[in-house]
C-alpha cells in the first residue's frame, strides 16, 4: 500500500451543475481546488488543480492539468497521459476492487477507459488543450448515480 508522507488532501464538493463542454463556466468559481503537486517517483513532472461539484444525480470533476510532454504512444491506456479517478461508492476502503468500485481514466484526447466496463455508460467527459509555454488539459467528468447509490 502506498502511504504519502505528506498526508492526505481532502476537497469538499460544492453543490452545482456545470456544462460539460471543455470550457470552465462560472459555477466552478466558488469551488476549492486540490493540487496534485506530489510525485511517487522523482521530484517534478505534470501537476493538476482538481475541483469537484455535485448535484442530486452526479459527481463532476474538473482537472486542469499542466504537462509539458503529452504522449499516448503506448497501446496500454494506463501508460498514456491521462487523468485517473477511483470511486468507492460504499466507502469500503478495501485493498481490492468491490462491485461498487469504479476506475475512470480519460486521456488528453478524451479517450476513456472504465473498469468495470459496465460503468462506461455513466461517464460524460470533455477535454480541451491549449498551447502555451506549457500544455494544459481541462477534463470535465460527469459521473452518474449508479443503481440509485450516490457516489
Protein backbone atom coordinates (compact mmCIF):
# COMPACT_ATOMS: atom_id res chain seq x y z
CA UNK A 1 0.00 0.00 0.00
CA UNK A 2 1.27 3.46 -0.89
CA UNK A 3 1.41 5.87 2.05
CA UNK A 4 2.05 9.55 1.41
CA UNK A 5 4.42 11.06 3.92
CA UNK A 6 2.82 14.46 3.46
CA UNK A 7 -0.63 13.16 4.41
CA UNK A 8 -3.96 13.07 2.66
CA UNK A 9 -5.51 16.06 0.94
CA UNK A 10 -9.28 16.39 1.00
CA UNK A 11 -11.63 18.50 -1.03
CA UNK A 12 -15.28 19.17 -0.33
CA UNK A 13 -17.53 19.05 -3.37
CA UNK A 14 -19.69 22.15 -3.81
CA UNK A 15 -23.29 21.78 -4.97
CA UNK A 16 -23.75 22.84 -8.59
CA UNK A 17 -24.32 21.59 -12.12
CA UNK A 18 -21.75 22.57 -14.78
CA UNK A 19 -21.96 22.26 -18.55
CA UNK A 20 -19.53 19.55 -19.71
CA UNK A 21 -18.11 21.10 -22.88
CA UNK A 22 -14.40 21.78 -22.26
CA UNK A 23 -14.90 25.36 -21.03
CA UNK A 24 -14.93 26.45 -17.40
CA UNK A 25 -18.26 28.06 -16.58
CA UNK A 26 -18.97 30.29 -13.58
CA UNK A 27 -20.40 27.50 -11.40
CA UNK A 28 -16.77 26.44 -10.73
CA UNK A 29 -15.81 29.88 -9.34
CA UNK A 30 -16.65 29.09 -5.71
CA UNK A 31 -15.12 25.62 -5.56
CA UNK A 32 -11.98 24.64 -3.67
CA UNK A 33 -9.06 23.22 -5.62
CA UNK A 34 -6.76 20.41 -4.58
CA UNK A 35 -3.33 20.47 -6.19
CA UNK A 36 -1.55 17.30 -7.22
CA UNK A 37 1.98 18.60 -6.79
CA UNK A 38 3.33 15.32 -5.39
CA UNK A 39 5.25 12.65 -7.23
CA UNK A 40 5.73 8.98 -6.40
CA UNK A 41 8.90 8.83 -8.50
CA UNK A 42 11.16 11.86 -8.91
CA UNK A 43 10.56 15.41 -7.77
CA UNK A 44 8.86 17.09 -10.72
CA UNK A 45 6.51 16.46 -13.58
CA UNK A 46 2.93 17.19 -14.52
CA UNK A 47 0.53 18.59 -11.97
CA UNK A 48 -3.15 19.42 -11.76
CA UNK A 49 -5.69 21.54 -9.97
CA UNK A 50 -8.75 19.40 -9.30
CA UNK A 51 -12.18 20.72 -8.34
CA UNK A 52 -15.44 18.88 -7.63
CA UNK A 53 -19.14 19.68 -7.84
CA UNK A 54 -22.22 17.58 -7.20
CA UNK A 55 -25.95 17.65 -7.75
CA UNK A 56 -28.70 15.17 -6.95
CA UNK A 57 -27.55 12.65 -9.51
CA UNK A 58 -23.93 13.36 -10.42
CA UNK A 59 -20.40 13.98 -9.27
CA UNK A 60 -18.47 16.39 -11.50
CA UNK A 61 -14.70 16.65 -11.61
CA UNK A 62 -12.68 19.40 -13.25
CA UNK A 63 -8.96 18.73 -13.62
CA UNK A 64 -6.73 21.45 -15.07
CA UNK A 65 -3.54 19.60 -15.91
CA UNK A 66 -0.19 21.15 -16.72
CA UNK A 67 2.07 18.78 -18.66
CA UNK A 68 4.96 19.71 -20.93
CA UNK A 69 5.06 16.40 -22.79
CA UNK A 70 1.79 14.70 -23.75
CA UNK A 71 2.05 11.16 -25.05
CA UNK A 72 -0.16 8.22 -25.84
CA UNK A 73 2.48 6.20 -27.67
CA UNK A 74 1.77 3.15 -25.56
CA UNK A 75 -1.12 0.90 -26.54
CA UNK A 76 -1.73 0.43 -22.81
CA UNK A 77 -4.20 3.07 -21.60
CA UNK A 78 -2.63 3.26 -18.13
CA UNK A 79 0.70 4.26 -19.70
CA UNK A 80 -0.78 7.22 -21.60
CA UNK A 81 -1.02 10.75 -20.22
CA UNK A 82 -4.41 10.78 -18.60
CA UNK A 83 -6.39 11.60 -15.51
CA UNK A 84 -7.38 8.55 -13.49
CA UNK A 85 -10.06 8.61 -10.82
CA UNK A 86 -11.18 5.86 -8.48
CA UNK A 87 -14.64 5.97 -6.88
CA UNK A 88 -15.55 3.80 -3.88
CA UNK A 89 -19.31 4.23 -3.56
CA UNK A 90 -19.74 2.35 -0.29
CA UNK A 91 -16.57 3.81 1.26
CA UNK A 92 -15.32 0.29 2.00
CA UNK A 93 -11.69 1.44 1.59
CA UNK A 94 -10.65 -2.11 0.79
CA UNK A 95 -7.35 -3.15 -0.76
CA UNK A 96 -9.24 -4.85 -3.60
CA UNK A 97 -11.98 -3.93 -6.07
CA UNK A 98 -15.57 -4.44 -4.92
CA UNK A 99 -18.65 -4.39 -7.20
CA UNK A 100 -19.44 -0.77 -6.25
CA UNK A 101 -15.94 0.49 -7.13
CA UNK A 102 -15.13 2.24 -10.39
CA UNK A 103 -11.92 3.25 -12.15
CA UNK A 104 -12.27 6.08 -14.68
CA UNK A 105 -9.42 7.13 -16.97
CA UNK A 106 -9.59 9.88 -19.62
CA UNK A 107 -6.56 10.78 -21.72
CA UNK A 108 -5.83 14.22 -23.17
CA UNK A 109 -7.69 13.34 -26.40
CA UNK A 110 -10.83 12.49 -24.39
CA UNK A 111 -10.44 8.75 -24.92
CA UNK A 112 -11.97 6.90 -21.98
CA UNK A 113 -11.35 3.57 -20.31
CA UNK A 114 -13.58 2.45 -17.47
CA UNK A 115 -13.34 -0.53 -15.15
CA UNK A 116 -15.67 -2.32 -14.91
CA UNK A 117 -16.77 -1.64 -18.49
CA UNK A 118 -20.42 -1.79 -17.37
CA UNK A 119 -19.95 1.67 -15.78
CA UNK A 120 -18.73 3.29 -19.02
CA UNK A 121 -22.23 4.45 -19.96
CA UNK A 122 -22.33 6.61 -16.83
CA UNK A 123 -19.45 8.86 -17.92
CA UNK A 124 -19.64 12.11 -19.85
CA UNK A 125 -16.35 13.89 -20.47
CA UNK A 126 -14.75 16.66 -22.50
CA UNK A 127 -11.14 17.75 -22.80
CA UNK A 128 -9.63 20.93 -24.16
CA UNK A 129 -5.97 21.58 -24.90
CA UNK A 130 -4.38 24.97 -25.24
CA UNK A 131 -0.83 25.59 -26.40
CA UNK A 132 1.41 27.96 -24.50
CA UNK A 133 4.72 27.51 -22.74
CA UNK A 134 3.02 24.53 -21.11
CA UNK A 135 0.25 22.26 -22.36
CA UNK A 136 -2.95 22.49 -20.37
CA UNK A 137 -5.66 19.93 -20.34
CA UNK A 138 -9.10 20.53 -18.93
CA UNK A 139 -11.00 17.42 -18.04
CA UNK A 140 -14.67 17.52 -17.25
CA UNK A 141 -16.07 14.28 -15.93
CA UNK A 142 -19.70 13.77 -15.00
CA UNK A 143 -20.36 10.54 -13.14
CA UNK A 144 -23.97 9.49 -12.86
CA UNK A 145 -25.60 7.86 -9.87
CA UNK A 146 -25.24 4.11 -10.26
CA UNK A 147 -28.24 1.95 -9.26
CA UNK A 148 -29.64 4.73 -7.05
CA UNK A 149 -26.48 4.95 -4.96
CA UNK A 150 -24.69 8.22 -4.56
CA UNK A 151 -21.05 8.33 -5.49
